[in-house]
């Protein structure tokens, strides 16, 4: 990893992006072999936020009869207000470009406040039905609040919460129970809704890049869109009307294949190959629905899967080679 970093730094110097003094300073810094705990500390901060918010949920559940609903809501609201008070106080001025707190701990204060606001809305709906009997409006409200917070404080973590709440609003909750009960795959309307939402995320990302609005959010939006459209298309290929999903699936594979080369994002490329492979085999099983062919495919399946793994590894290695060549 150090050799790769040194190589990239040398390339920056060759292209006159950094001066000779900066290159020497970098080499001197690397020679000290200083170990950074930044990533580990941030991971611990994230774990602390998750444990803190989960602990509040457990506390509320175990003491709901003795504490009282109003007291619980007031406590959660107070914590939420405190989180956003300190966040607004220390946040940089809003900018369409990427902004950061001077101290990264406030990113997790924003995350805590966002989760607590969702807890507040969910509890208020459960106890007092403030949005009526339909819980999807809680998801939409949570999504809108988190979108505003994510864009104002430039938080990818809160943006992920907003997108998750948005998919919940249209009825998509990808849990193991849903898969085992076949509630998700057996609903074509829900599948098309997921595809439409995924396409809307792609369109919004393209628009944001054109107007320069938090362009660095592209990875989060594209990642959600890729998995949302991919899962919905694959589920659609198992339906009786699978041919309706096939054109969408082919367009999806082509678009994200090109997109992976646009950004040279390995994750986009790898998941495009995986979705394409699963979809190809699903379509083949639909087309060649013949007992003789099935027996033949079963016979050659070990060689087929071994060959597929070899091709997969070769394509990923080729992609990474081209990616490094573009950097050079």
C-alpha atoms as a PDB file:
ATOM      1  CA  UNK A   1       0.000   0.000   0.000  1.00  0.00           C
ATOM      2  CA  UNK A   2       2.873   2.369   0.846  1.00  0.00           C
ATOM      3  CA  UNK A   3       4.603   1.602  -2.457  1.00  0.00           C
ATOM      4  CA  UNK A   4       1.386   2.329  -4.342  1.00  0.00           C
ATOM      5  CA  UNK A   5       0.966   5.659  -2.523  1.00  0.00           C
ATOM      6  CA  UNK A   6       4.575   6.618  -3.283  1.00  0.00           C
ATOM      7  CA  UNK A   7       4.061   5.696  -6.935  1.00  0.00           C
ATOM      8  CA  UNK A   8       0.957   7.883  -7.204  1.00  0.00           C
ATOM      9  CA  UNK A   9       2.718  10.764  -5.467  1.00  0.00           C
ATOM     10  CA  UNK A  10       5.621  10.517  -7.922  1.00  0.00           C
ATOM     11  CA  UNK A  11       3.123  10.649 -10.791  1.00  0.00           C
ATOM     12  CA  UNK A  12       1.597  13.796  -9.335  1.00  0.00           C
ATOM     13  CA  UNK A  13       5.056  15.364  -9.256  1.00  0.00           C
ATOM     14  CA  UNK A  14       5.749  14.327 -12.856  1.00  0.00           C
ATOM     15  CA  UNK A  15       2.512  15.993 -13.948  1.00  0.00           C
ATOM     16  CA  UNK A  16       3.425  19.182 -12.004  1.00  0.00           C
ATOM     17  CA  UNK A  17       0.516  18.864  -9.573  1.00  0.00           C
ATOM     18  CA  UNK A  18       2.907  19.104  -6.607  1.00  0.00           C
ATOM     19  CA  UNK A  19       6.275  20.768  -6.191  1.00  0.00           C
ATOM     20  CA  UNK A  20       9.660  19.163  -5.481  1.00  0.00           C
ATOM     21  CA  UNK A  21       9.520  20.458  -1.903  1.00  0.00           C
ATOM     22  CA  UNK A  22       6.096  18.844  -1.365  1.00  0.00           C
ATOM     23  CA  UNK A  23       7.378  15.555  -2.779  1.00  0.00           C
ATOM     24  CA  UNK A  24      10.382  15.640  -0.432  1.00  0.00           C
ATOM     25  CA  UNK A  25       8.133  16.461   2.532  1.00  0.00           C
ATOM     26  CA  UNK A  26       5.916  13.512   1.660  1.00  0.00           C
ATOM     27  CA  UNK A  27       8.894  11.122   1.435  1.00  0.00           C
ATOM     28  CA  UNK A  28      10.236  12.424   4.744  1.00  0.00           C
ATOM     29  CA  UNK A  29       6.834  11.926   6.389  1.00  0.00           C
ATOM     30  CA  UNK A  30       6.517   8.379   5.037  1.00  0.00           C
ATOM     31  CA  UNK A  31      10.033   7.542   6.244  1.00  0.00           C
ATOM     32  CA  UNK A  32       8.910   8.141   9.844  1.00  0.00           C
ATOM     33  CA  UNK A  33       6.461   5.179   9.551  1.00  0.00           C
ATOM     34  CA  UNK A  34       3.798   6.987  11.554  1.00  0.00           C
ATOM     35  CA  UNK A  35       0.726   4.818  12.103  1.00  0.00           C
ATOM     36  CA  UNK A  36      -2.619   6.617  11.950  1.00  0.00           C
ATOM     37  CA  UNK A  37      -5.486   5.563  14.210  1.00  0.00           C
ATOM     38  CA  UNK A  38      -7.970   7.798  12.399  1.00  0.00           C
ATOM     39  CA  UNK A  39      -9.941   4.999  10.713  1.00  0.00           C
ATOM     40  CA  UNK A  40     -10.081   2.878  13.863  1.00  0.00           C
ATOM     41  CA  UNK A  41     -11.238   5.806  15.991  1.00  0.00           C
ATOM     42  CA  UNK A  42     -13.938   6.769  13.487  1.00  0.00           C
ATOM     43  CA  UNK A  43     -15.137   3.156  13.429  1.00  0.00           C
ATOM     44  CA  UNK A  44     -15.363   3.211  17.219  1.00  0.00           C
ATOM     45  CA  UNK A  45     -17.302   6.478  17.009  1.00  0.00           C
ATOM     46  CA  UNK A  46     -19.771   4.895  14.586  1.00  0.00           C
ATOM     47  CA  UNK A  47     -20.153   1.862  16.866  1.00  0.00           C
ATOM     48  CA  UNK A  48     -20.708   4.213  19.817  1.00  0.00           C
ATOM     49  CA  UNK A  49     -23.520   6.014  17.986  1.00  0.00           C
ATOM     50  CA  UNK A  50     -25.197   2.720  17.111  1.00  0.00           C
ATOM     51  CA  UNK A  51     -24.889   1.414  20.687  1.00  0.00           C
ATOM     52  CA  UNK A  52     -26.135   4.713  22.152  1.00  0.00           C
ATOM     53  CA  UNK A  53     -29.241   4.927  19.974  1.00  0.00           C
ATOM     54  CA  UNK A  54     -29.927   1.198  20.437  1.00  0.00           C
ATOM     55  CA  UNK A  55     -29.548   1.644  24.199  1.00  0.00           C
ATOM     56  CA  UNK A  56     -32.154   4.398  24.179  1.00  0.00           C
ATOM     57  CA  UNK A  57     -34.528   2.060  22.363  1.00  0.00           C
ATOM     58  CA  UNK A  58     -33.961  -0.720  24.915  1.00  0.00           C
ATOM     59  CA  UNK A  59     -34.358   1.747  27.810  1.00  0.00           C
ATOM     60  CA  UNK A  60     -37.655   2.970  26.424  1.00  0.00           C
ATOM     61  CA  UNK A  61     -38.923  -0.581  25.831  1.00  0.00           C
ATOM     62  CA  UNK A  62     -38.063  -1.820  29.323  1.00  0.00           C
ATOM     63  CA  UNK A  63     -39.412   1.205  31.187  1.00  0.00           C
ATOM     64  CA  UNK A  64     -42.304   2.297  29.003  1.00  0.00           C
ATOM     65  CA  UNK A  65     -44.920   1.749  31.738  1.00  0.00           C
ATOM     66  CA  UNK A  66     -43.016   3.562  34.465  1.00  0.00           C
ATOM     67  CA  UNK A  67     -41.614   6.486  32.463  1.00  0.00           C
ATOM     68  CA  UNK A  68     -44.645   7.527  30.426  1.00  0.00           C
ATOM     69  CA  UNK A  69     -45.031   8.321  26.741  1.00  0.00           C
ATOM     70  CA  UNK A  70     -44.813  12.120  27.022  1.00  0.00           C
ATOM     71  CA  UNK A  71     -41.648  11.880  29.121  1.00  0.00           C
ATOM     72  CA  UNK A  72     -40.048   9.504  26.609  1.00  0.00           C
ATOM     73  CA  UNK A  73     -40.883  11.758  23.666  1.00  0.00           C
ATOM     74  CA  UNK A  74     -39.615  14.815  25.548  1.00  0.00           C
ATOM     75  CA  UNK A  75     -36.350  13.037  26.419  1.00  0.00           C
ATOM     76  CA  UNK A  76     -35.719  11.937  22.834  1.00  0.00           C
ATOM     77  CA  UNK A  77     -36.643  15.377  21.501  1.00  0.00           C
ATOM     78  CA  UNK A  78     -34.285  17.058  23.989  1.00  0.00           C
ATOM     79  CA  UNK A  79     -31.381  14.841  22.902  1.00  0.00           C
ATOM     80  CA  UNK A  80     -32.201  15.526  19.241  1.00  0.00           C
ATOM     81  CA  UNK A  81     -32.278  19.295  19.785  1.00  0.00           C
ATOM     82  CA  UNK A  82     -28.954  19.176  21.661  1.00  0.00           C
ATOM     83  CA  UNK A  83     -27.317  17.204  18.846  1.00  0.00           C
ATOM     84  CA  UNK A  84     -28.427  19.666  16.184  1.00  0.00           C
ATOM     85  CA  UNK A  85     -27.638  22.684  18.374  1.00  0.00           C
ATOM     86  CA  UNK A  86     -23.975  21.681  18.607  1.00  0.00           C
ATOM     87  CA  UNK A  87     -23.968  20.601  14.959  1.00  0.00           C
ATOM     88  CA  UNK A  88     -25.297  23.931  13.668  1.00  0.00           C
ATOM     89  CA  UNK A  89     -22.982  25.810  15.998  1.00  0.00           C
ATOM     90  CA  UNK A  90     -19.879  24.101  14.619  1.00  0.00           C
ATOM     91  CA  UNK A  91     -20.948  23.452  11.025  1.00  0.00           C
ATOM     92  CA  UNK A  92     -19.306  25.311   8.145  1.00  0.00           C
ATOM     93  CA  UNK A  93     -21.465  27.540   5.960  1.00  0.00           C
ATOM     94  CA  UNK A  94     -23.572  25.559   3.514  1.00  0.00           C
ATOM     95  CA  UNK A  95     -21.883  25.079   0.179  1.00  0.00           C
ATOM     96  CA  UNK A  96     -22.852  23.149  -2.948  1.00  0.00           C
ATOM     97  CA  UNK A  97     -19.354  21.699  -2.931  1.00  0.00           C
ATOM     98  CA  UNK A  98     -17.952  19.278  -0.360  1.00  0.00           C
ATOM     99  CA  UNK A  99     -17.639  20.686   3.169  1.00  0.00           C
ATOM    100  CA  UNK A 100     -16.297  19.174   6.374  1.00  0.00           C
ATOM    101  CA  UNK A 101     -16.414  19.857  10.081  1.00  0.00           C
ATOM    102  CA  UNK A 102     -13.119  20.948  11.591  1.00  0.00           C
ATOM    103  CA  UNK A 103     -13.567  18.117  14.072  1.00  0.00           C
ATOM    104  CA  UNK A 104     -14.926  14.848  12.584  1.00  0.00           C
ATOM    105  CA  UNK A 105     -16.684  14.015  15.834  1.00  0.00           C
ATOM    106  CA  UNK A 106     -19.511  16.365  14.799  1.00  0.00           C
ATOM    107  CA  UNK A 107     -20.265  14.108  11.828  1.00  0.00           C
ATOM    108  CA  UNK A 108     -21.327  11.508  14.366  1.00  0.00           C
ATOM    109  CA  UNK A 109     -23.242  14.072  16.405  1.00  0.00           C
ATOM    110  CA  UNK A 110     -25.230  14.795  13.211  1.00  0.00           C
ATOM    111  CA  UNK A 111     -25.726  11.060  12.684  1.00  0.00           C
ATOM    112  CA  UNK A 112     -26.949  10.642  16.272  1.00  0.00           C
ATOM    113  CA  UNK A 113     -29.400  13.538  15.902  1.00  0.00           C
ATOM    114  CA  UNK A 114     -30.725  12.105  12.635  1.00  0.00           C
ATOM    115  CA  UNK A 115     -31.334   8.663  14.115  1.00  0.00           C
ATOM    116  CA  UNK A 116     -32.976  10.182  17.188  1.00  0.00           C
ATOM    117  CA  UNK A 117     -35.282  12.300  15.001  1.00  0.00           C
ATOM    118  CA  UNK A 118     -36.386   9.131  13.193  1.00  0.00           C
ATOM    119  CA  UNK A 119     -36.947   7.415  16.549  1.00  0.00           C
ATOM    120  CA  UNK A 120     -39.019  10.395  17.705  1.00  0.00           C
ATOM    121  CA  UNK A 121     -41.224  10.313  14.607  1.00  0.00           C
ATOM    122  CA  UNK A 122     -41.629   6.540  14.765  1.00  0.00           C
ATOM    123  CA  UNK A 123     -42.561   6.528  18.453  1.00  0.00           C
ATOM    124  CA  UNK A 124     -44.979   9.450  18.042  1.00  0.00           C
ATOM    125  CA  UNK A 125     -46.699   7.611  15.192  1.00  0.00           C
ATOM    126  CA  UNK A 126     -46.849   4.323  17.096  1.00  0.00           C
ATOM    127  CA  UNK A 127     -48.310   5.856  20.222  1.00  0.00           C
ATOM    128  CA  UNK A 128     -50.420   8.747  18.922  1.00  0.00           C
ATOM    129  CA  UNK A 129     -50.912   7.966  15.189  1.00  0.00           C
ATOM    130  CA  UNK A 130     -49.991  11.525  14.201  1.00  0.00           C
ATOM    131  CA  UNK A 131     -49.925  10.493  10.515  1.00  0.00           C
ATOM    132  CA  UNK A 132     -53.099   8.435  10.689  1.00  0.00           C
ATOM    133  CA  UNK A 133     -53.033   4.665  10.368  1.00  0.00           C
ATOM    134  CA  UNK A 134     -50.559   4.527   7.468  1.00  0.00           C
ATOM    135  CA  UNK A 135     -46.968   4.131   8.664  1.00  0.00           C
ATOM    136  CA  UNK A 136     -45.471   4.903   5.248  1.00  0.00           C
ATOM    137  CA  UNK A 137     -45.814   8.643   5.911  1.00  0.00           C
ATOM    138  CA  UNK A 138     -43.434   8.257   8.848  1.00  0.00           C
ATOM    139  CA  UNK A 139     -40.887   6.783   6.443  1.00  0.00           C
ATOM    140  CA  UNK A 140     -41.415   9.631   3.965  1.00  0.00           C
ATOM    141  CA  UNK A 141     -41.101  12.270   6.708  1.00  0.00           C
ATOM    142  CA  UNK A 142     -37.941  10.614   8.020  1.00  0.00           C
ATOM    143  CA  UNK A 143     -36.521  10.493   4.491  1.00  0.00           C
ATOM    144  CA  UNK A 144     -37.225  14.192   3.837  1.00  0.00           C
ATOM    145  CA  UNK A 145     -35.726  15.265   7.160  1.00  0.00           C
ATOM    146  CA  UNK A 146     -32.618  13.143   6.610  1.00  0.00           C
ATOM    147  CA  UNK A 147     -32.205  14.451   3.048  1.00  0.00           C
ATOM    148  CA  UNK A 148     -32.196  18.034   4.341  1.00  0.00           C
ATOM    149  CA  UNK A 149     -29.737  17.137   7.099  1.00  0.00           C
ATOM    150  CA  UNK A 150     -27.501  15.183   4.727  1.00  0.00           C
ATOM    151  CA  UNK A 151     -27.237  18.037   2.232  1.00  0.00           C
ATOM    152  CA  UNK A 152     -26.814  20.784   4.814  1.00  0.00           C
ATOM    153  CA  UNK A 153     -24.178  18.984   6.889  1.00  0.00           C
ATOM    154  CA  UNK A 154     -22.674  17.084   3.934  1.00  0.00           C
ATOM    155  CA  UNK A 155     -23.190  13.678   5.555  1.00  0.00           C
ATOM    156  CA  UNK A 156     -23.070  10.504   3.473  1.00  0.00           C
ATOM    157  CA  UNK A 157     -24.115   8.443   6.506  1.00  0.00           C
ATOM    158  CA  UNK A 158     -27.338  10.402   6.946  1.00  0.00           C
ATOM    159  CA  UNK A 159     -27.897  10.273   3.180  1.00  0.00           C
ATOM    160  CA  UNK A 160     -27.871   6.470   3.408  1.00  0.00           C
ATOM    161  CA  UNK A 161     -30.545   6.625   6.119  1.00  0.00           C
ATOM    162  CA  UNK A 162     -32.640   8.937   3.925  1.00  0.00           C
ATOM    163  CA  UNK A 163     -32.445   6.571   0.953  1.00  0.00           C
ATOM    164  CA  UNK A 164     -33.301   3.574   3.136  1.00  0.00           C
ATOM    165  CA  UNK A 165     -36.357   5.393   4.507  1.00  0.00           C
ATOM    166  CA  UNK A 166     -37.381   6.333   0.965  1.00  0.00           C
ATOM    167  CA  UNK A 167     -37.335   2.700  -0.186  1.00  0.00           C
ATOM    168  CA  UNK A 168     -39.373   1.796   2.896  1.00  0.00           C
ATOM    169  CA  UNK A 169     -41.921   4.458   1.932  1.00  0.00           C
ATOM    170  CA  UNK A 170     -42.674   2.734  -1.389  1.00  0.00           C
ATOM    171  CA  UNK A 171     -42.995  -0.587   0.434  1.00  0.00           C
ATOM    172  CA  UNK A 172     -39.612  -2.207  -0.107  1.00  0.00           C
ATOM    173  CA  UNK A 173     -38.131  -3.702   3.048  1.00  0.00           C
ATOM    174  CA  UNK A 174     -35.430  -6.199   2.168  1.00  0.00           C
ATOM    175  CA  UNK A 175     -35.289  -8.424   5.216  1.00  0.00           C
ATOM    176  CA  UNK A 176     -34.643 -12.192   5.419  1.00  0.00           C
ATOM    177  CA  UNK A 177     -38.250 -12.710   6.551  1.00  0.00           C
ATOM    178  CA  UNK A 178     -39.565 -10.968   3.426  1.00  0.00           C
ATOM    179  CA  UNK A 179     -37.474 -13.226   1.202  1.00  0.00           C
ATOM    180  CA  UNK A 180     -38.483 -16.417   2.992  1.00  0.00           C
ATOM    181  CA  UNK A 181     -42.166 -15.459   2.865  1.00  0.00           C
ATOM    182  CA  UNK A 182     -41.788 -14.436  -0.812  1.00  0.00           C
ATOM    183  CA  UNK A 183     -43.585 -11.137  -0.150  1.00  0.00           C
ATOM    184  CA  UNK A 184     -41.154  -9.083  -2.187  1.00  0.00           C
ATOM    185  CA  UNK A 185     -40.556 -11.292  -5.239  1.00  0.00           C
ATOM    186  CA  UNK A 186     -44.249 -12.104  -5.766  1.00  0.00           C
ATOM    187  CA  UNK A 187     -45.363  -8.471  -6.151  1.00  0.00           C
ATOM    188  CA  UNK A 188     -44.710  -7.143  -9.702  1.00  0.00           C
ATOM    189  CA  UNK A 189     -46.109  -3.694  -8.852  1.00  0.00           C
ATOM    190  CA  UNK A 190     -43.628  -3.371  -5.998  1.00  0.00           C
ATOM    191  CA  UNK A 191     -40.796  -4.511  -8.275  1.00  0.00           C
ATOM    192  CA  UNK A 192     -41.623  -1.881 -10.892  1.00  0.00           C
ATOM    193  CA  UNK A 193     -41.898   0.742  -8.134  1.00  0.00           C
ATOM    194  CA  UNK A 194     -38.393  -0.164  -6.994  1.00  0.00           C
ATOM    195  CA  UNK A 195     -37.077   0.103 -10.555  1.00  0.00           C
ATOM    196  CA  UNK A 196     -38.729   3.507 -11.031  1.00  0.00           C
ATOM    197  CA  UNK A 197     -37.226   4.760  -7.762  1.00  0.00           C
ATOM    198  CA  UNK A 198     -33.792   3.483  -8.814  1.00  0.00           C
ATOM    199  CA  UNK A 199     -34.058   5.275 -12.165  1.00  0.00           C
ATOM    200  CA  UNK A 200     -35.122   8.467 -10.369  1.00  0.00           C
ATOM    201  CA  UNK A 201     -32.022   8.252  -8.175  1.00  0.00           C
ATOM    202  CA  UNK A 202     -29.856   7.912 -11.294  1.00  0.00           C
ATOM    203  CA  UNK A 203     -31.561  10.905 -12.939  1.00  0.00           C
ATOM    204  CA  UNK A 204     -31.168  13.004  -9.786  1.00  0.00           C
ATOM    205  CA  UNK A 205     -27.465  12.112  -9.577  1.00  0.00           C
ATOM    206  CA  UNK A 206     -26.907  13.134 -13.207  1.00  0.00           C
ATOM    207  CA  UNK A 207     -28.729  16.418 -12.573  1.00  0.00           C
ATOM    208  CA  UNK A 208     -26.753  17.082  -9.366  1.00  0.00           C
ATOM    209  CA  UNK A 209     -23.474  16.596 -11.195  1.00  0.00           C
ATOM    210  CA  UNK A 210     -24.528  19.025 -13.914  1.00  0.00           C
ATOM    211  CA  UNK A 211     -25.495  21.784 -11.470  1.00  0.00           C
ATOM    212  CA  UNK A 212     -22.616  20.976  -9.100  1.00  0.00           C
ATOM    213  CA  UNK A 213     -24.829  20.156  -6.084  1.00  0.00           C
ATOM    214  CA  UNK A 214     -22.863  17.844  -3.781  1.00  0.00           C
ATOM    215  CA  UNK A 215     -21.349  15.994  -6.721  1.00  0.00           C
ATOM    216  CA  UNK A 216     -19.415  13.722  -4.355  1.00  0.00           C
ATOM    217  CA  UNK A 217     -22.715  12.120  -3.267  1.00  0.00           C
ATOM    218  CA  UNK A 218     -22.734  10.247  -6.589  1.00  0.00           C
ATOM    219  CA  UNK A 219     -21.282   7.050  -5.110  1.00  0.00           C
ATOM    220  CA  UNK A 220     -24.021   6.687  -2.474  1.00  0.00           C
ATOM    221  CA  UNK A 221     -26.828   7.395  -4.954  1.00  0.00           C
ATOM    222  CA  UNK A 222     -25.439   5.106  -7.656  1.00  0.00           C
ATOM    223  CA  UNK A 223     -24.776   2.315  -5.160  1.00  0.00           C
ATOM    224  CA  UNK A 224     -28.362   2.393  -3.885  1.00  0.00           C
ATOM    225  CA  UNK A 225     -29.717   2.639  -7.430  1.00  0.00           C
ATOM    226  CA  UNK A 226     -27.595  -0.263  -8.665  1.00  0.00           C
ATOM    227  CA  UNK A 227     -28.695  -2.650  -5.930  1.00  0.00           C
ATOM    228  CA  UNK A 228     -32.318  -1.480  -5.961  1.00  0.00           C
ATOM    229  CA  UNK A 229     -32.723  -1.878  -9.729  1.00  0.00           C
ATOM    230  CA  UNK A 230     -30.592  -5.024  -9.804  1.00  0.00           C
ATOM    231  CA  UNK A 231     -32.555  -6.849  -7.089  1.00  0.00           C
ATOM    232  CA  UNK A 232     -35.910  -5.764  -8.525  1.00  0.00           C
ATOM    233  CA  UNK A 233     -34.934  -6.864 -12.060  1.00  0.00           C
ATOM    234  CA  UNK A 234     -33.604 -10.225 -10.886  1.00  0.00           C
ATOM    235  CA  UNK A 235     -36.765 -10.793  -8.857  1.00  0.00           C
ATOM    236  CA  UNK A 236     -38.812  -9.825 -11.917  1.00  0.00           C
ATOM    237  CA  UNK A 237     -37.004 -12.420 -14.034  1.00  0.00           C
ATOM    238  CA  UNK A 238     -38.499 -15.096 -11.759  1.00  0.00           C
ATOM    239  CA  UNK A 239     -42.037 -13.904 -12.526  1.00  0.00           C
ATOM    240  CA  UNK A 240     -44.323 -15.423 -15.160  1.00  0.00           C
ATOM    241  CA  UNK A 241     -44.064 -12.157 -17.117  1.00  0.00           C
ATOM    242  CA  UNK A 242     -40.263 -12.236 -16.892  1.00  0.00           C
ATOM    243  CA  UNK A 243     -39.904 -10.972 -20.461  1.00  0.00           C
ATOM    244  CA  UNK A 244     -41.242  -7.564 -19.328  1.00  0.00           C
ATOM    245  CA  UNK A 245     -38.252  -7.143 -17.032  1.00  0.00           C
ATOM    246  CA  UNK A 246     -35.648  -8.402 -19.517  1.00  0.00           C
ATOM    247  CA  UNK A 247     -35.250  -5.145 -21.556  1.00  0.00           C
ATOM    248  CA  UNK A 248     -34.962  -3.139 -18.343  1.00  0.00           C
ATOM    249  CA  UNK A 249     -32.378  -5.569 -17.014  1.00  0.00           C
ATOM    250  CA  UNK A 250     -30.267  -5.369 -20.190  1.00  0.00           C
ATOM    251  CA  UNK A 251     -30.331  -1.552 -20.104  1.00  0.00           C
ATOM    252  CA  UNK A 252     -29.406  -1.669 -16.417  1.00  0.00           C
ATOM    253  CA  UNK A 253     -26.379  -3.918 -17.049  1.00  0.00           C
ATOM    254  CA  UNK A 254     -25.177  -1.804 -19.983  1.00  0.00           C
ATOM    255  CA  UNK A 255     -25.557   1.500 -18.118  1.00  0.00           C
ATOM    256  CA  UNK A 256     -23.700   0.435 -14.980  1.00  0.00           C
ATOM    257  CA  UNK A 257     -21.017  -1.314 -17.032  1.00  0.00           C
ATOM    258  CA  UNK A 258     -20.316   2.003 -18.787  1.00  0.00           C
ATOM    259  CA  UNK A 259     -20.637   3.868 -15.496  1.00  0.00           C
ATOM    260  CA  UNK A 260     -18.012   1.676 -13.838  1.00  0.00           C
ATOM    261  CA  UNK A 261     -15.522   2.767 -16.503  1.00  0.00           C
ATOM    262  CA  UNK A 262     -16.586   6.406 -16.248  1.00  0.00           C
ATOM    263  CA  UNK A 263     -15.630   6.531 -12.561  1.00  0.00           C
ATOM    264  CA  UNK A 264     -13.337   3.483 -12.614  1.00  0.00           C
ATOM    265  CA  UNK A 265     -15.295   2.197  -9.620  1.00  0.00           C
ATOM    266  CA  UNK A 266     -14.447  -1.443  -8.945  1.00  0.00           C
ATOM    267  CA  UNK A 267     -17.577  -2.007  -6.843  1.00  0.00           C
ATOM    268  CA  UNK A 268     -19.856  -0.916  -9.719  1.00  0.00           C
ATOM    269  CA  UNK A 269     -18.002  -3.225 -12.106  1.00  0.00           C
ATOM    270  CA  UNK A 270     -18.013  -6.260  -9.789  1.00  0.00           C
ATOM    271  CA  UNK A 271     -21.712  -6.022  -8.941  1.00  0.00           C
ATOM    272  CA  UNK A 272     -22.594  -5.433 -12.596  1.00  0.00           C
ATOM    273  CA  UNK A 273     -20.850  -8.717 -13.434  1.00  0.00           C
ATOM    274  CA  UNK A 274     -22.598 -10.535 -10.580  1.00  0.00           C
ATOM    275  CA  UNK A 275     -26.062  -9.240 -11.475  1.00  0.00           C
ATOM    276  CA  UNK A 276     -25.397  -9.975 -15.139  1.00  0.00           C
ATOM    277  CA  UNK A 277     -24.251 -13.523 -14.396  1.00  0.00           C
ATOM    278  CA  UNK A 278     -27.263 -14.324 -12.209  1.00  0.00           C
ATOM    279  CA  UNK A 279     -29.639 -12.729 -14.701  1.00  0.00           C
ATOM    280  CA  UNK A 280     -28.100 -14.607 -17.644  1.00  0.00           C
ATOM    281  CA  UNK A 281     -28.524 -17.961 -15.922  1.00  0.00           C
ATOM    282  CA  UNK A 282     -32.082 -17.095 -14.891  1.00  0.00           C
ATOM    283  CA  UNK A 283     -33.037 -16.232 -18.478  1.00  0.00           C
ATOM    284  CA  UNK A 284     -31.346 -19.385 -19.812  1.00  0.00           C
ATOM    285  CA  UNK A 285     -33.343 -21.487 -17.353  1.00  0.00           C
ATOM    286  CA  UNK A 286     -36.529 -19.829 -18.655  1.00  0.00           C
ATOM    287  CA  UNK A 287     -35.669 -20.236 -22.343  1.00  0.00           C
ATOM    288  CA  UNK A 288     -34.300 -23.783 -22.214  1.00  0.00           C
ATOM    289  CA  UNK A 289     -37.063 -25.242 -20.083  1.00  0.00           C
ATOM    290  CA  UNK A 290     -36.467 -28.758 -21.334  1.00  0.00           C
ATOM    291  CA  UNK A 291     -35.770 -31.838 -19.241  1.00  0.00           C
ATOM    292  CA  UNK A 292     -33.023 -33.108 -21.571  1.00  0.00           C
ATOM    293  CA  UNK A 293     -31.264 -29.743 -21.632  1.00  0.00           C
ATOM    294  CA  UNK A 294     -31.571 -29.405 -17.867  1.00  0.00           C
ATOM    295  CA  UNK A 295     -29.922 -32.799 -17.397  1.00  0.00           C
ATOM    296  CA  UNK A 296     -27.141 -31.785 -19.774  1.00  0.00           C
ATOM    297  CA  UNK A 297     -26.617 -28.469 -17.972  1.00  0.00           C
ATOM    298  CA  UNK A 298     -26.426 -30.278 -14.630  1.00  0.00           C
ATOM    299  CA  UNK A 299     -23.755 -32.568 -16.071  1.00  0.00           C
ATOM    300  CA  UNK A 300     -21.542 -29.705 -17.277  1.00  0.00           C
ATOM    301  CA  UNK A 301     -22.335 -27.347 -14.389  1.00  0.00           C
ATOM    302  CA  UNK A 302     -19.024 -27.942 -12.517  1.00  0.00           C
ATOM    303  CA  UNK A 303     -17.024 -26.937 -15.607  1.00  0.00           C
ATOM    304  CA  UNK A 304     -19.417 -24.061 -16.306  1.00  0.00           C
ATOM    305  CA  UNK A 305     -19.058 -22.527 -12.850  1.00  0.00           C
ATOM    306  CA  UNK A 306     -15.296 -23.030 -12.752  1.00  0.00           C
ATOM    307  CA  UNK A 307     -15.040 -21.343 -16.149  1.00  0.00           C
ATOM    308  CA  UNK A 308     -17.299 -18.519 -14.951  1.00  0.00           C
ATOM    309  CA  UNK A 309     -15.077 -17.912 -11.917  1.00  0.00           C
ATOM    310  CA  UNK A 310     -11.969 -17.800 -14.127  1.00  0.00           C
ATOM    311  CA  UNK A 311     -13.630 -15.332 -16.517  1.00  0.00           C
ATOM    312  CA  UNK A 312     -14.864 -13.222 -13.584  1.00  0.00           C
ATOM    313  CA  UNK A 313     -11.391 -12.975 -12.038  1.00  0.00           C
ATOM    314  CA  UNK A 314      -9.838 -12.177 -15.421  1.00  0.00           C
ATOM    315  CA  UNK A 315     -12.317  -9.377 -16.109  1.00  0.00           C
ATOM    316  CA  UNK A 316     -11.793  -7.818 -12.671  1.00  0.00           C
ATOM    317  CA  UNK A 317      -7.996  -7.985 -13.062  1.00  0.00           C
ATOM    318  CA  UNK A 318      -8.266  -6.394 -16.505  1.00  0.00           C
ATOM    319  CA  UNK A 319     -10.505  -3.653 -15.117  1.00  0.00           C
ATOM    320  CA  UNK A 320      -8.116  -2.867 -12.252  1.00  0.00           C
ATOM    321  CA  UNK A 321      -5.186  -2.804 -14.691  1.00  0.00           C
ATOM    322  CA  UNK A 322      -6.997  -0.234 -16.849  1.00  0.00           C
ATOM    323  CA  UNK A 323      -7.940   1.695 -13.712  1.00  0.00           C
ATOM    324  CA  UNK A 324      -4.323   1.962 -12.591  1.00  0.00           C
ATOM    325  CA  UNK A 325      -3.230   2.819 -16.120  1.00  0.00           C
ATOM    326  CA  UNK A 326      -5.707   5.746 -16.159  1.00  0.00           C
ATOM    327  CA  UNK A 327      -4.204   7.060 -12.920  1.00  0.00           C
ATOM    328  CA  UNK A 328      -0.715   6.759 -14.332  1.00  0.00           C
END
